[in-house]
């Protein structure tokens, strides 16, 4: 790994060789993640099973969807979700963006769409309440994600972080984080990067607990979600 120094407040350079042996928070954060994820899976198991049945019987397709995301130190993993899109989602998106310049511009800016033609009826409800992300508790137990941290990104999104990508790579991606409780898709991508950087620079276990508690009303009010 190349050594790097910085002045206060300056970003470290992100390179393909960047590797961090221990994610932000170390053993304490990992222990907290395991206990919290196991407890949540037990408490929400009836809801988990009900959603599985709804997704399966809505159109007969697969229940889960795994998308490759970038994790700690650049390692990729399959980020799990309840499936909320039609099976041929990539083709539907391509046609939609090709015929809708405004949607194409929105996609380039945020990598999301407020009116996404790929999303199923059941999927719309799950996304509104962020219930589609419950399977990521399994990612947490596997050590691929954390309860709190930057939301997982794909390779092309990480390039948007520029030199601040080094902070994303220092920690495991999270189920929730500062972006989730600060407006989510109502804020710019630049603000999202700033939130992620601030989180890593100022991590503490009490801050994680605070973010989790603030996530509950944010989800209930469906603030900024789509």
C-alpha atoms as a PDB file:
ATOM      1  CA  UNK A   1       0.000   0.000   0.000  1.00  0.00           C
ATOM      2  CA  UNK A   2       1.343   3.423  -0.839  1.00  0.00           C
ATOM      3  CA  UNK A   3       1.886   5.664   2.141  1.00  0.00           C
ATOM      4  CA  UNK A   4      -0.078   8.889   2.214  1.00  0.00           C
ATOM      5  CA  UNK A   5      -0.051  11.975   4.371  1.00  0.00           C
ATOM      6  CA  UNK A   6      -2.519  14.825   4.450  1.00  0.00           C
ATOM      7  CA  UNK A   7      -3.043  18.201   6.009  1.00  0.00           C
ATOM      8  CA  UNK A   8      -6.026  18.631   8.308  1.00  0.00           C
ATOM      9  CA  UNK A   9      -9.286  18.425   6.379  1.00  0.00           C
ATOM     10  CA  UNK A  10      -7.636  17.291   3.121  1.00  0.00           C
ATOM     11  CA  UNK A  11      -8.682  14.027   1.459  1.00  0.00           C
ATOM     12  CA  UNK A  12      -6.284  11.129   1.118  1.00  0.00           C
ATOM     13  CA  UNK A  13      -5.620   9.960  -2.449  1.00  0.00           C
ATOM     14  CA  UNK A  14      -7.706   6.975  -3.513  1.00  0.00           C
ATOM     15  CA  UNK A  15      -5.806   4.363  -5.553  1.00  0.00           C
ATOM     16  CA  UNK A  16      -6.396   0.826  -6.791  1.00  0.00           C
ATOM     17  CA  UNK A  17      -3.760  -0.347  -4.286  1.00  0.00           C
ATOM     18  CA  UNK A  18      -5.514   1.136  -1.249  1.00  0.00           C
ATOM     19  CA  UNK A  19      -6.134  -1.546   1.379  1.00  0.00           C
ATOM     20  CA  UNK A  20      -7.263  -1.269   4.985  1.00  0.00           C
ATOM     21  CA  UNK A  21      -6.774  -4.344   7.166  1.00  0.00           C
ATOM     22  CA  UNK A  22      -9.400  -3.339   9.723  1.00  0.00           C
ATOM     23  CA  UNK A  23     -12.685  -1.552   8.895  1.00  0.00           C
ATOM     24  CA  UNK A  24     -13.663   1.591  10.806  1.00  0.00           C
ATOM     25  CA  UNK A  25     -14.744   0.735  14.346  1.00  0.00           C
ATOM     26  CA  UNK A  26     -12.797  -2.504  14.597  1.00  0.00           C
ATOM     27  CA  UNK A  27     -13.938  -5.253  16.964  1.00  0.00           C
ATOM     28  CA  UNK A  28     -16.416  -3.093  18.880  1.00  0.00           C
ATOM     29  CA  UNK A  29     -18.361  -2.109  15.755  1.00  0.00           C
ATOM     30  CA  UNK A  30     -18.322  -5.689  14.444  1.00  0.00           C
ATOM     31  CA  UNK A  31     -19.644  -7.109  17.723  1.00  0.00           C
ATOM     32  CA  UNK A  32     -22.380  -4.467  17.758  1.00  0.00           C
ATOM     33  CA  UNK A  33     -23.288  -5.367  14.158  1.00  0.00           C
ATOM     34  CA  UNK A  34     -23.586  -9.098  14.865  1.00  0.00           C
ATOM     35  CA  UNK A  35     -25.716  -8.662  17.978  1.00  0.00           C
ATOM     36  CA  UNK A  36     -27.988  -6.092  16.332  1.00  0.00           C
ATOM     37  CA  UNK A  37     -28.412  -8.057  13.080  1.00  0.00           C
ATOM     38  CA  UNK A  38     -29.215 -11.337  14.871  1.00  0.00           C
ATOM     39  CA  UNK A  39     -31.720  -9.616  17.148  1.00  0.00           C
ATOM     40  CA  UNK A  40     -33.386  -7.841  14.203  1.00  0.00           C
ATOM     41  CA  UNK A  41     -33.679 -11.065  12.188  1.00  0.00           C
ATOM     42  CA  UNK A  42     -35.420 -12.789  15.090  1.00  0.00           C
ATOM     43  CA  UNK A  43     -37.756  -9.863  15.829  1.00  0.00           C
ATOM     44  CA  UNK A  44     -38.653  -9.260  12.186  1.00  0.00           C
ATOM     45  CA  UNK A  45     -38.815 -12.912  11.083  1.00  0.00           C
ATOM     46  CA  UNK A  46     -42.658 -12.890  10.707  1.00  0.00           C
ATOM     47  CA  UNK A  47     -42.449  -9.745   8.566  1.00  0.00           C
ATOM     48  CA  UNK A  48     -39.545 -11.260   6.631  1.00  0.00           C
ATOM     49  CA  UNK A  49     -41.594 -14.361   5.777  1.00  0.00           C
ATOM     50  CA  UNK A  50     -44.675 -12.315   4.849  1.00  0.00           C
ATOM     51  CA  UNK A  51     -42.685 -10.167   2.421  1.00  0.00           C
ATOM     52  CA  UNK A  52     -41.129 -13.280   0.866  1.00  0.00           C
ATOM     53  CA  UNK A  53     -44.615 -14.626   0.182  1.00  0.00           C
ATOM     54  CA  UNK A  54     -45.875 -11.309  -1.250  1.00  0.00           C
ATOM     55  CA  UNK A  55     -42.942 -10.966  -3.635  1.00  0.00           C
ATOM     56  CA  UNK A  56     -43.138 -14.588  -4.769  1.00  0.00           C
ATOM     57  CA  UNK A  57     -46.875 -14.689  -5.372  1.00  0.00           C
ATOM     58  CA  UNK A  58     -47.082 -11.235  -6.994  1.00  0.00           C
ATOM     59  CA  UNK A  59     -45.529 -12.390 -10.270  1.00  0.00           C
ATOM     60  CA  UNK A  60     -43.923 -15.768  -9.602  1.00  0.00           C
ATOM     61  CA  UNK A  61     -40.378 -14.431  -9.913  1.00  0.00           C
ATOM     62  CA  UNK A  62     -37.451 -14.766  -7.548  1.00  0.00           C
ATOM     63  CA  UNK A  63     -37.781 -13.437  -4.001  1.00  0.00           C
ATOM     64  CA  UNK A  64     -34.301 -12.027  -3.567  1.00  0.00           C
ATOM     65  CA  UNK A  65     -32.062  -9.921  -5.757  1.00  0.00           C
ATOM     66  CA  UNK A  66     -28.317  -9.612  -5.361  1.00  0.00           C
ATOM     67  CA  UNK A  67     -26.436  -6.754  -6.986  1.00  0.00           C
ATOM     68  CA  UNK A  68     -22.644  -6.424  -7.021  1.00  0.00           C
ATOM     69  CA  UNK A  69     -21.488  -3.573  -4.793  1.00  0.00           C
ATOM     70  CA  UNK A  70     -18.154  -2.283  -3.527  1.00  0.00           C
ATOM     71  CA  UNK A  71     -17.287  -3.044   0.083  1.00  0.00           C
ATOM     72  CA  UNK A  72     -14.438  -2.526   2.514  1.00  0.00           C
ATOM     73  CA  UNK A  73     -11.042  -2.109   0.819  1.00  0.00           C
ATOM     74  CA  UNK A  74     -12.685  -2.410  -2.599  1.00  0.00           C
ATOM     75  CA  UNK A  75     -13.850  -6.010  -2.198  1.00  0.00           C
ATOM     76  CA  UNK A  76     -17.078  -6.642  -4.090  1.00  0.00           C
ATOM     77  CA  UNK A  77     -20.074  -8.556  -2.735  1.00  0.00           C
ATOM     78  CA  UNK A  78     -23.675  -9.350  -3.618  1.00  0.00           C
ATOM     79  CA  UNK A  79     -25.856  -6.812  -1.800  1.00  0.00           C
ATOM     80  CA  UNK A  80     -29.154  -8.553  -1.026  1.00  0.00           C
ATOM     81  CA  UNK A  81     -32.624  -7.067  -1.354  1.00  0.00           C
ATOM     82  CA  UNK A  82     -36.149  -8.291  -1.735  1.00  0.00           C
ATOM     83  CA  UNK A  83     -36.794  -8.102  -5.467  1.00  0.00           C
ATOM     84  CA  UNK A  84     -38.757  -4.937  -6.280  1.00  0.00           C
ATOM     85  CA  UNK A  85     -38.301  -4.811 -10.058  1.00  0.00           C
ATOM     86  CA  UNK A  86     -39.571  -6.695 -13.067  1.00  0.00           C
ATOM     87  CA  UNK A  87     -37.274  -9.532 -14.213  1.00  0.00           C
ATOM     88  CA  UNK A  88     -36.201  -7.696 -17.399  1.00  0.00           C
ATOM     89  CA  UNK A  89     -35.420  -4.479 -15.523  1.00  0.00           C
ATOM     90  CA  UNK A  90     -32.233  -3.603 -17.410  1.00  0.00           C
ATOM     91  CA  UNK A  91     -33.985  -3.618 -20.776  1.00  0.00           C
ATOM     92  CA  UNK A  92     -36.969  -1.667 -19.424  1.00  0.00           C
ATOM     93  CA  UNK A  93     -34.610   0.972 -18.010  1.00  0.00           C
ATOM     94  CA  UNK A  94     -32.636   1.222 -21.254  1.00  0.00           C
ATOM     95  CA  UNK A  95     -35.791   1.858 -23.305  1.00  0.00           C
ATOM     96  CA  UNK A  96     -37.125   4.356 -20.766  1.00  0.00           C
ATOM     97  CA  UNK A  97     -33.935   6.429 -20.656  1.00  0.00           C
ATOM     98  CA  UNK A  98     -33.564   6.324 -24.433  1.00  0.00           C
ATOM     99  CA  UNK A  99     -37.011   7.863 -24.925  1.00  0.00           C
ATOM    100  CA  UNK A 100     -37.020  10.256 -21.957  1.00  0.00           C
ATOM    101  CA  UNK A 101     -34.202  12.866 -21.826  1.00  0.00           C
ATOM    102  CA  UNK A 102     -35.346  14.256 -18.453  1.00  0.00           C
ATOM    103  CA  UNK A 103     -35.249  10.801 -16.886  1.00  0.00           C
ATOM    104  CA  UNK A 104     -31.828  10.192 -18.461  1.00  0.00           C
ATOM    105  CA  UNK A 105     -30.517  13.405 -16.879  1.00  0.00           C
ATOM    106  CA  UNK A 106     -31.983  12.439 -13.500  1.00  0.00           C
ATOM    107  CA  UNK A 107     -30.349   9.006 -13.757  1.00  0.00           C
ATOM    108  CA  UNK A 108     -26.944  10.489 -14.583  1.00  0.00           C
ATOM    109  CA  UNK A 109     -27.169  12.863 -11.609  1.00  0.00           C
ATOM    110  CA  UNK A 110     -28.449  10.515  -8.903  1.00  0.00           C
ATOM    111  CA  UNK A 111     -28.408   6.947 -10.309  1.00  0.00           C
ATOM    112  CA  UNK A 112     -32.076   6.766  -9.276  1.00  0.00           C
ATOM    113  CA  UNK A 113     -35.479   7.672 -10.721  1.00  0.00           C
ATOM    114  CA  UNK A 114     -38.490   9.053  -8.878  1.00  0.00           C
ATOM    115  CA  UNK A 115     -40.766   7.344 -11.397  1.00  0.00           C
ATOM    116  CA  UNK A 116     -38.929   4.112 -12.131  1.00  0.00           C
ATOM    117  CA  UNK A 117     -40.760   1.957 -14.716  1.00  0.00           C
ATOM    118  CA  UNK A 118     -38.959  -1.163 -13.509  1.00  0.00           C
ATOM    119  CA  UNK A 119     -40.529  -1.186 -10.035  1.00  0.00           C
ATOM    120  CA  UNK A 120     -43.429  -3.561  -9.347  1.00  0.00           C
ATOM    121  CA  UNK A 121     -46.541  -2.665  -7.338  1.00  0.00           C
ATOM    122  CA  UNK A 122     -45.337  -4.655  -4.321  1.00  0.00           C
ATOM    123  CA  UNK A 123     -41.876  -3.222  -4.842  1.00  0.00           C
ATOM    124  CA  UNK A 124     -43.181   0.342  -4.634  1.00  0.00           C
ATOM    125  CA  UNK A 125     -44.533  -0.286  -1.124  1.00  0.00           C
ATOM    126  CA  UNK A 126     -41.384  -2.101   0.008  1.00  0.00           C
ATOM    127  CA  UNK A 127     -39.170   0.724  -1.230  1.00  0.00           C
ATOM    128  CA  UNK A 128     -41.341   3.411   0.324  1.00  0.00           C
ATOM    129  CA  UNK A 129     -40.840   1.810   3.733  1.00  0.00           C
ATOM    130  CA  UNK A 130     -37.257   0.617   3.007  1.00  0.00           C
ATOM    131  CA  UNK A 131     -38.417  -2.951   3.713  1.00  0.00           C
ATOM    132  CA  UNK A 132     -36.710  -4.193   0.556  1.00  0.00           C
ATOM    133  CA  UNK A 133     -33.391  -3.748   2.376  1.00  0.00           C
ATOM    134  CA  UNK A 134     -34.154  -6.169   5.242  1.00  0.00           C
ATOM    135  CA  UNK A 135     -32.165  -9.042   3.615  1.00  0.00           C
ATOM    136  CA  UNK A 136     -29.041  -6.921   4.029  1.00  0.00           C
ATOM    137  CA  UNK A 137     -29.072  -8.091   7.651  1.00  0.00           C
ATOM    138  CA  UNK A 138     -27.674 -11.300   6.137  1.00  0.00           C
ATOM    139  CA  UNK A 139     -24.900  -9.267   4.502  1.00  0.00           C
ATOM    140  CA  UNK A 140     -24.152  -7.822   7.942  1.00  0.00           C
ATOM    141  CA  UNK A 141     -23.811 -11.286   9.495  1.00  0.00           C
ATOM    142  CA  UNK A 142     -21.526 -12.318   6.632  1.00  0.00           C
ATOM    143  CA  UNK A 143     -19.244  -9.395   7.435  1.00  0.00           C
ATOM    144  CA  UNK A 144     -19.877  -7.690   4.086  1.00  0.00           C
ATOM    145  CA  UNK A 145     -21.875  -4.798   5.540  1.00  0.00           C
ATOM    146  CA  UNK A 146     -22.411  -2.945   8.797  1.00  0.00           C
ATOM    147  CA  UNK A 147     -25.618  -1.735  10.433  1.00  0.00           C
ATOM    148  CA  UNK A 148     -24.426   1.874  10.051  1.00  0.00           C
ATOM    149  CA  UNK A 149     -22.141   3.238   7.343  1.00  0.00           C
ATOM    150  CA  UNK A 150     -22.142   4.647   3.811  1.00  0.00           C
ATOM    151  CA  UNK A 151     -24.764   3.065   1.583  1.00  0.00           C
ATOM    152  CA  UNK A 152     -23.144   0.482  -0.740  1.00  0.00           C
ATOM    153  CA  UNK A 153     -22.215   1.755  -4.205  1.00  0.00           C
ATOM    154  CA  UNK A 154     -21.378   0.186  -7.566  1.00  0.00           C
ATOM    155  CA  UNK A 155     -17.993   0.637  -9.242  1.00  0.00           C
ATOM    156  CA  UNK A 156     -19.078   3.546 -11.425  1.00  0.00           C
ATOM    157  CA  UNK A 157     -20.525   5.409  -8.432  1.00  0.00           C
ATOM    158  CA  UNK A 158     -17.296   5.079  -6.468  1.00  0.00           C
ATOM    159  CA  UNK A 159     -15.537   7.070  -9.174  1.00  0.00           C
ATOM    160  CA  UNK A 160     -17.828  10.006  -8.284  1.00  0.00           C
ATOM    161  CA  UNK A 161     -16.206  10.104  -4.843  1.00  0.00           C
ATOM    162  CA  UNK A 162     -12.869  11.033  -6.473  1.00  0.00           C
ATOM    163  CA  UNK A 163     -10.185  11.329  -3.760  1.00  0.00           C
ATOM    164  CA  UNK A 164     -12.826  10.983  -1.032  1.00  0.00           C
ATOM    165  CA  UNK A 165     -13.335   7.336  -2.083  1.00  0.00           C
ATOM    166  CA  UNK A 166     -10.620   6.457   0.406  1.00  0.00           C
ATOM    167  CA  UNK A 167     -13.047   7.159   3.267  1.00  0.00           C
ATOM    168  CA  UNK A 168     -15.732   4.936   1.741  1.00  0.00           C
ATOM    169  CA  UNK A 169     -13.182   2.119   1.374  1.00  0.00           C
ATOM    170  CA  UNK A 170     -12.136   2.379   5.024  1.00  0.00           C
ATOM    171  CA  UNK A 171     -15.430   1.036   6.352  1.00  0.00           C
ATOM    172  CA  UNK A 172     -18.087  -1.547   5.597  1.00  0.00           C
ATOM    173  CA  UNK A 173     -21.157  -0.179   3.769  1.00  0.00           C
ATOM    174  CA  UNK A 174     -24.177   0.243   6.024  1.00  0.00           C
ATOM    175  CA  UNK A 175     -27.875  -0.535   6.154  1.00  0.00           C
ATOM    176  CA  UNK A 176     -28.382   3.031   7.264  1.00  0.00           C
ATOM    177  CA  UNK A 177     -26.246   6.119   7.712  1.00  0.00           C
ATOM    178  CA  UNK A 178     -26.108   9.892   7.789  1.00  0.00           C
ATOM    179  CA  UNK A 179     -27.447  10.114   4.222  1.00  0.00           C
ATOM    180  CA  UNK A 180     -30.489   8.034   5.183  1.00  0.00           C
ATOM    181  CA  UNK A 181     -31.476  10.332   8.033  1.00  0.00           C
ATOM    182  CA  UNK A 182     -30.595  13.601   6.310  1.00  0.00           C
ATOM    183  CA  UNK A 183     -33.009  13.609   3.411  1.00  0.00           C
ATOM    184  CA  UNK A 184     -31.723  10.690   1.356  1.00  0.00           C
ATOM    185  CA  UNK A 185     -32.610  11.333  -2.287  1.00  0.00           C
ATOM    186  CA  UNK A 186     -33.716  14.887  -1.489  1.00  0.00           C
ATOM    187  CA  UNK A 187     -30.026  15.842  -1.201  1.00  0.00           C
ATOM    188  CA  UNK A 188     -27.365  15.993  -3.903  1.00  0.00           C
ATOM    189  CA  UNK A 189     -24.831  13.252  -4.530  1.00  0.00           C
ATOM    190  CA  UNK A 190     -22.103  15.650  -3.459  1.00  0.00           C
ATOM    191  CA  UNK A 191     -23.859  15.973  -0.086  1.00  0.00           C
ATOM    192  CA  UNK A 192     -24.063  12.192   0.169  1.00  0.00           C
ATOM    193  CA  UNK A 193     -20.273  11.972  -0.308  1.00  0.00           C
ATOM    194  CA  UNK A 194     -19.794  14.645   2.355  1.00  0.00           C
ATOM    195  CA  UNK A 195     -22.011  12.719   4.784  1.00  0.00           C
ATOM    196  CA  UNK A 196     -20.059   9.495   4.170  1.00  0.00           C
ATOM    197  CA  UNK A 197     -16.716  11.234   4.640  1.00  0.00           C
ATOM    198  CA  UNK A 198     -17.868  12.957   7.848  1.00  0.00           C
ATOM    199  CA  UNK A 199     -19.173   9.653   9.236  1.00  0.00           C
ATOM    200  CA  UNK A 200     -15.866   7.836   8.768  1.00  0.00           C
ATOM    201  CA  UNK A 201     -13.799  10.737  10.103  1.00  0.00           C
ATOM    202  CA  UNK A 202     -15.954  11.045  13.232  1.00  0.00           C
ATOM    203  CA  UNK A 203     -17.040   7.460  13.941  1.00  0.00           C
ATOM    204  CA  UNK A 204     -18.083   6.398  17.427  1.00  0.00           C
ATOM    205  CA  UNK A 205     -20.318   3.628  18.735  1.00  0.00           C
ATOM    206  CA  UNK A 206     -22.660   6.148  20.322  1.00  0.00           C
ATOM    207  CA  UNK A 207     -22.959   7.926  16.978  1.00  0.00           C
ATOM    208  CA  UNK A 208     -24.014   4.604  15.399  1.00  0.00           C
ATOM    209  CA  UNK A 209     -26.705   4.161  18.056  1.00  0.00           C
ATOM    210  CA  UNK A 210     -27.913   7.719  17.462  1.00  0.00           C
ATOM    211  CA  UNK A 211     -28.157   7.174  13.698  1.00  0.00           C
ATOM    212  CA  UNK A 212     -30.130   3.945  14.208  1.00  0.00           C
ATOM    213  CA  UNK A 213     -32.616   5.724  16.488  1.00  0.00           C
ATOM    214  CA  UNK A 214     -33.015   8.561  13.979  1.00  0.00           C
ATOM    215  CA  UNK A 215     -33.533   6.059  11.141  1.00  0.00           C
ATOM    216  CA  UNK A 216     -36.794   4.809  12.628  1.00  0.00           C
ATOM    217  CA  UNK A 217     -38.763   8.101  12.288  1.00  0.00           C
ATOM    218  CA  UNK A 218     -37.050   8.818   8.934  1.00  0.00           C
ATOM    219  CA  UNK A 219     -38.343   5.503   7.545  1.00  0.00           C
ATOM    220  CA  UNK A 220     -41.794   5.913   9.100  1.00  0.00           C
ATOM    221  CA  UNK A 221     -42.134   9.305   7.432  1.00  0.00           C
ATOM    222  CA  UNK A 222     -40.669   7.849   4.198  1.00  0.00           C
ATOM    223  CA  UNK A 223     -38.522  10.962   4.021  1.00  0.00           C
ATOM    224  CA  UNK A 224     -36.811  11.356   0.675  1.00  0.00           C
ATOM    225  CA  UNK A 225     -37.248   7.719  -0.336  1.00  0.00           C
ATOM    226  CA  UNK A 226     -37.808   6.314  -3.805  1.00  0.00           C
END
